[in-house]
Amino acid sequence: MLNKLFERKGWKLTFIFLLPLIIFIISIMLGRYDIGPSDVIRVLFSAGLGEDLSDIPNIAQQLILRIRLPRIL
């Protein structure tokens, strides 16, 4: 019985921690210009990793980093 209770709490804790991350990504995606979730994630992590983003339009990169991200934070 204790294991079942722990499994439920573990699921709830995971949900509680993942929900804000999912809402954060969706919030950045929403707007006048459609930007896909993979593009949002790549742009957000590219600053630290130095990844090549030549396949993502520059306007989308600037829109994420200079407009949508500051509004959400």
Protein backbone atom coordinates (compact mmCIF):
# COMPACT_ATOMS: atom_id res chain seq x y z
CA MET A 1 0.00 0.00 0.00
CA LEU A 2 2.84 2.38 0.83
CA ASN A 3 4.44 1.70 -2.57
CA LYS A 4 1.23 2.64 -4.38
CA LEU A 5 0.98 5.86 -2.40
CA PHE A 6 4.62 6.71 -3.19
CA GLU A 7 4.07 5.99 -6.89
CA ARG A 8 1.12 8.39 -6.94
CA LYS A 9 3.10 11.10 -5.18
CA GLY A 10 6.05 10.56 -7.52
CA TRP A 11 3.78 11.02 -10.51
CA LYS A 12 2.26 14.16 -9.01
CA LEU A 13 5.67 15.65 -8.21
CA THR A 14 6.87 14.98 -11.74
CA PHE A 15 3.73 16.61 -13.11
CA ILE A 16 4.15 19.64 -10.83
CA PHE A 17 7.73 20.18 -12.00
CA LEU A 18 7.10 19.55 -15.71
CA LEU A 19 3.92 21.62 -16.03
CA PRO A 20 5.63 25.04 -15.67
CA LEU A 21 8.28 24.02 -18.22
CA ILE A 22 5.61 22.96 -20.71
CA ILE A 23 3.64 26.16 -20.16
CA PHE A 24 6.85 28.19 -20.57
CA ILE A 25 7.60 26.59 -23.97
CA ILE A 26 3.99 27.00 -25.14
CA SER A 27 3.99 30.65 -24.06
CA ILE A 28 7.04 31.36 -26.18
CA MET A 29 5.49 29.58 -29.17
CA LEU A 30 2.25 31.57 -29.11
CA GLY A 31 2.08 34.83 -31.01
CA ARG A 32 1.51 36.38 -34.39
CA TYR A 33 4.37 34.42 -35.96
CA ASP A 34 4.29 30.65 -35.54
CA ILE A 35 7.46 29.17 -34.11
CA GLY A 36 7.66 25.43 -33.52
CA PRO A 37 8.57 23.88 -30.17
CA SER A 38 11.81 22.38 -31.50
CA ASP A 39 12.92 25.78 -32.80
CA VAL A 40 12.11 27.42 -29.45
CA ILE A 41 14.10 24.83 -27.52
CA ARG A 42 17.05 25.01 -29.92
CA VAL A 43 17.19 28.82 -29.75
CA LEU A 44 16.99 28.85 -25.96
CA PHE A 45 19.81 26.32 -25.55
CA SER A 46 21.97 27.53 -28.43
CA ALA A 47 23.33 30.53 -26.53
CA GLY A 48 25.16 28.29 -24.08
CA LEU A 49 26.02 25.50 -26.49
CA GLY A 50 27.08 27.55 -29.51
CA GLU A 51 24.91 25.49 -31.84
CA ASP A 52 24.57 26.47 -35.52
CA LEU A 53 21.06 27.85 -36.11
CA SER A 54 21.33 28.68 -39.81
CA ASP A 55 18.15 26.71 -40.57
CA ILE A 56 16.06 28.86 -38.18
CA PRO A 57 15.23 32.31 -39.59
CA ASN A 58 17.04 35.17 -37.86
CA ILE A 59 13.73 36.96 -37.26
CA ALA A 60 12.45 33.96 -35.29
CA GLN A 61 15.61 33.88 -33.18
CA GLN A 62 15.38 37.58 -32.39
CA LEU A 63 11.67 37.33 -31.71
CA ILE A 64 12.23 34.60 -29.15
CA LEU A 65 15.23 36.15 -27.40
CA ARG A 66 14.33 39.84 -27.48
CA ILE A 67 10.55 39.95 -27.28
CA ARG A 68 8.85 36.77 -26.10
CA LEU A 69 11.39 35.59 -23.54
CA PRO A 70 11.58 38.92 -21.63
CA ARG A 71 7.77 39.15 -21.57
CA ILE A 72 7.46 35.73 -19.99
CA LEU A 73 10.22 36.23 -17.45
